[in-house]
C-alpha atoms as a PDB file:
ATOM      1  CA  MET A   1      62.551 -61.235   1.335  1.00  0.00           C
ATOM      2  CA  ASN A   2      64.975 -59.150  -0.740  1.00  0.00           C
ATOM      3  CA  PRO A   3      67.331 -61.059  -3.012  1.00  0.00           C
ATOM      4  CA  GLN A   4      71.010 -60.331  -2.604  1.00  0.00           C
ATOM      5  CA  ILE A   5      72.333 -57.966  -5.252  1.00  0.00           C
ATOM      6  CA  SER A   6      75.510 -59.165  -6.921  1.00  0.00           C
ATOM      7  CA  THR A   7      78.320 -56.862  -7.993  1.00  0.00           C
ATOM      8  CA  GLU A   8      80.026 -57.390 -11.327  1.00  0.00           C
ATOM      9  CA  ARG A   9      82.420 -55.778 -13.747  1.00  0.00           C
ATOM     10  CA  PRO A  10      80.511 -55.084 -16.975  1.00  0.00           C
ATOM     11  CA  ARG A  11      81.719 -56.290 -20.352  1.00  0.00           C
ATOM     12  CA  PHE A  12      83.434 -53.645 -22.444  1.00  0.00           C
ATOM     13  CA  LYS A  13      85.394 -53.109 -25.642  1.00  0.00           C
ATOM     14  CA  THR A  14      87.937 -50.491 -26.591  1.00  0.00           C
ATOM     15  CA  ARG A  15      88.702 -49.204 -30.053  1.00  0.00           C
ATOM     16  CA  ALA A  16      91.761 -47.082 -30.728  1.00  0.00           C
ATOM     17  CA  HIS A  17      91.850 -44.665 -33.629  1.00  0.00           C
ATOM     18  CA  GLU A  18      94.166 -41.922 -34.835  1.00  0.00           C
ATOM     19  CA  ALA A  19      92.549 -39.178 -32.746  1.00  0.00           C
ATOM     20  CA  GLY A  20      92.081 -41.165 -29.512  1.00  0.00           C
ATOM     21  CA  PHE A  21      89.913 -44.106 -28.498  1.00  0.00           C
ATOM     22  CA  GLU A  22      86.404 -45.212 -27.577  1.00  0.00           C
ATOM     23  CA  LEU A  23      85.289 -47.333 -24.667  1.00  0.00           C
ATOM     24  CA  ALA A  24      81.948 -49.141 -25.146  1.00  0.00           C
ATOM     25  CA  VAL A  25      80.410 -50.665 -22.006  1.00  0.00           C
ATOM     26  CA  ALA A  26      77.577 -53.197 -22.356  1.00  0.00           C
ATOM     27  CA  LEU A  27      74.872 -52.406 -19.801  1.00  0.00           C
ATOM     28  CA  PRO A  28      71.665 -54.209 -20.834  1.00  0.00           C
ATOM     29  CA  GLY A  29      68.629 -53.132 -18.846  1.00  0.00           C
ATOM     30  CA  VAL A  30      70.401 -50.100 -17.335  1.00  0.00           C
ATOM     31  CA  GLY A  31      68.919 -46.658 -17.950  1.00  0.00           C
ATOM     32  CA  LYS A  32      70.886 -43.438 -18.193  1.00  0.00           C
ATOM     33  CA  GLU A  33      69.482 -42.357 -14.824  1.00  0.00           C
ATOM     34  CA  ASP A  34      71.055 -45.431 -13.166  1.00  0.00           C
ATOM     35  CA  LEU A  35      74.586 -44.684 -14.435  1.00  0.00           C
ATOM     36  CA  GLU A  36      77.391 -42.653 -12.954  1.00  0.00           C
ATOM     37  CA  VAL A  37      80.649 -41.763 -14.692  1.00  0.00           C
ATOM     38  CA  ASN A  38      83.434 -40.151 -12.656  1.00  0.00           C
ATOM     39  CA  LEU A  39      87.032 -39.154 -13.223  1.00  0.00           C
ATOM     40  CA  GLU A  40      89.596 -38.795 -10.458  1.00  0.00           C
ATOM     41  CA  LYS A  41      93.356 -38.606 -11.007  1.00  0.00           C
ATOM     42  CA  ARG A  42      93.131 -40.197 -14.480  1.00  0.00           C
ATOM     43  CA  ILE A  43      90.996 -43.079 -13.178  1.00  0.00           C
ATOM     44  CA  LEU A  44      87.704 -43.255 -15.075  1.00  0.00           C
ATOM     45  CA  THR A  45      84.967 -45.060 -13.133  1.00  0.00           C
ATOM     46  CA  VAL A  46      81.686 -46.267 -14.610  1.00  0.00           C
ATOM     47  CA  GLY A  47      79.250 -47.492 -11.993  1.00  0.00           C
ATOM     48  CA  GLY A  48      75.611 -47.940 -11.281  1.00  0.00           C
ATOM     49  CA  GLU A  49      72.835 -50.366 -10.649  1.00  0.00           C
ATOM     50  CA  ARG A  50      70.388 -52.329 -12.736  1.00  0.00           C
ATOM     51  CA  LYS A  51      67.081 -52.724 -10.958  1.00  0.00           C
ATOM     52  CA  GLU A  52      65.320 -56.071 -11.001  1.00  0.00           C
ATOM     53  CA  ILE A  53      62.550 -56.425 -13.554  1.00  0.00           C
ATOM     54  CA  GLU A  54      59.436 -57.866 -11.939  1.00  0.00           C
ATOM     55  CA  GLY A  55      58.223 -61.290 -13.009  1.00  0.00           C
ATOM     56  CA  ASP A  56      58.383 -64.886 -11.954  1.00  0.00           C
ATOM     57  CA  PHE A  57      61.790 -66.501 -11.616  1.00  0.00           C
ATOM     58  CA  GLU A  58      61.734 -68.309 -14.975  1.00  0.00           C
ATOM     59  CA  ASN A  59      60.558 -65.255 -16.915  1.00  0.00           C
ATOM     60  CA  ARG A  60      62.710 -62.661 -15.218  1.00  0.00           C
ATOM     61  CA  GLU A  61      64.733 -60.789 -17.813  1.00  0.00           C
ATOM     62  CA  HIS A  62      67.256 -59.114 -15.553  1.00  0.00           C
ATOM     63  CA  GLU A  63      68.152 -59.587 -11.928  1.00  0.00           C
ATOM     64  CA  ALA A  64      69.262 -56.669  -9.783  1.00  0.00           C
ATOM     65  CA  LEU A  65      72.935 -55.951 -10.253  1.00  0.00           C
ATOM     66  CA  ARG A  66      75.524 -53.408  -9.108  1.00  0.00           C
ATOM     67  CA  PHE A  67      78.442 -52.840 -11.399  1.00  0.00           C
ATOM     68  CA  GLU A  68      81.679 -50.910 -11.479  1.00  0.00           C
ATOM     69  CA  LEU A  69      84.412 -50.577 -14.066  1.00  0.00           C
ATOM     70  CA  LYS A  70      87.642 -48.657 -13.431  1.00  0.00           C
ATOM     71  CA  VAL A  71      90.001 -47.726 -16.239  1.00  0.00           C
ATOM     72  CA  GLU A  72      93.285 -45.853 -15.872  1.00  0.00           C
ATOM     73  CA  LEU A  73      93.569 -43.327 -18.689  1.00  0.00           C
ATOM     74  CA  HIS A  74      96.839 -42.724 -20.501  1.00  0.00           C
ATOM     75  CA  GLU A  75      98.429 -39.315 -19.940  1.00  0.00           C
ATOM     76  CA  ASP A  76      98.181 -38.527 -23.680  1.00  0.00           C
ATOM     77  CA  LEU A  77      94.381 -38.314 -23.479  1.00  0.00           C
ATOM     78  CA  ASP A  78      92.408 -35.102 -23.032  1.00  0.00           C
ATOM     79  CA  VAL A  79      90.504 -35.885 -19.835  1.00  0.00           C
ATOM     80  CA  GLU A  80      88.806 -32.463 -19.838  1.00  0.00           C
ATOM     81  CA  ASN A  81      86.715 -33.277 -22.923  1.00  0.00           C
ATOM     82  CA  ILE A  82      85.364 -36.807 -22.487  1.00  0.00           C
ATOM     83  CA  LYS A  83      82.047 -37.364 -24.273  1.00  0.00           C
ATOM     84  CA  ALA A  84      79.547 -39.965 -23.082  1.00  0.00           C
ATOM     85  CA  THR A  85      76.505 -41.316 -24.933  1.00  0.00           C
ATOM     86  CA  HIS A  86      74.002 -43.980 -23.885  1.00  0.00           C
ATOM     87  CA  ARG A  87      72.000 -45.870 -26.493  1.00  0.00           C
ATOM     88  CA  ASP A  88      70.392 -49.316 -26.657  1.00  0.00           C
ATOM     89  CA  GLY A  89      72.062 -50.565 -23.469  1.00  0.00           C
ATOM     90  CA  VAL A  90      75.555 -49.424 -24.440  1.00  0.00           C
ATOM     91  CA  LEU A  91      77.446 -46.567 -22.803  1.00  0.00           C
ATOM     92  CA  THR A  92      80.086 -45.166 -25.171  1.00  0.00           C
ATOM     93  CA  LEU A  93      82.847 -42.896 -23.907  1.00  0.00           C
ATOM     94  CA  SER A  94      84.876 -41.010 -26.513  1.00  0.00           C
ATOM     95  CA  LEU A  95      88.311 -39.801 -25.531  1.00  0.00           C
ATOM     96  CA  ARG A  96      90.594 -37.793 -27.774  1.00  0.00           C
ATOM     97  CA  LYS A  97      94.325 -37.247 -27.617  1.00  0.00           C
ATOM     98  CA  ARG A  98      95.418 -33.947 -26.142  1.00  0.00           C
ATOM     99  CA  GLN A  99      95.355 -31.337 -28.891  1.00  0.00           C
ATOM    100  CA  GLU A 100      99.105 -30.810 -28.842  1.00  0.00           C
ATOM    101  CA  LEU A 101      99.617 -34.566 -29.427  1.00  0.00           C
ATOM    102  CA  ALA A 102      97.016 -35.033 -32.173  1.00  0.00           C
ATOM    103  CA  PRO A 103      98.303 -35.742 -35.667  1.00  0.00           C
ATOM    104  CA  ARG A 104      98.415 -32.677 -37.868  1.00  0.00           C
ATOM    105  CA  LYS A 105      99.577 -31.692 -41.302  1.00  0.00           C
ATOM    106  CA  ILE A 106     102.680 -29.502 -41.584  1.00  0.00           C
ATOM    107  CA  ASP A 107     102.512 -26.928 -44.363  1.00  0.00           C
ATOM    108  CA  ILE A 108     105.587 -26.580 -46.561  1.00  0.00           C
ATOM    109  CA  LEU A 109     106.615 -23.024 -47.316  1.00  0.00           C
ATOM    110  CA  ALA A 110     108.278 -22.053 -50.601  1.00  0.00           C
ATOM    111  CA  ASN A 111     111.347 -19.756 -50.722  1.00  0.00           C
END
């Protein structure tokens, strides 16, 4: 008998900074090979599946789980250069502001 796989929205945090923002998604027990990150019309989708870890019911660390997170990205962000890293059960997506919108120093010319 196969247990039913539940579908959930993973926990996540965002952190804004001067150059853009980061999205950190908590995915304990999920390997890089079980993740998928897509972008369509400024909608960023993180999805995948955590496979069940074998063991008896009381000692089971993780049950099977499908997950999906959709985030609409602001038009000021450079969607062509999103960077994704996966480490210790956390997927981190780094998004920067479009270059023409990034803060910059203006040089002052002397007469």
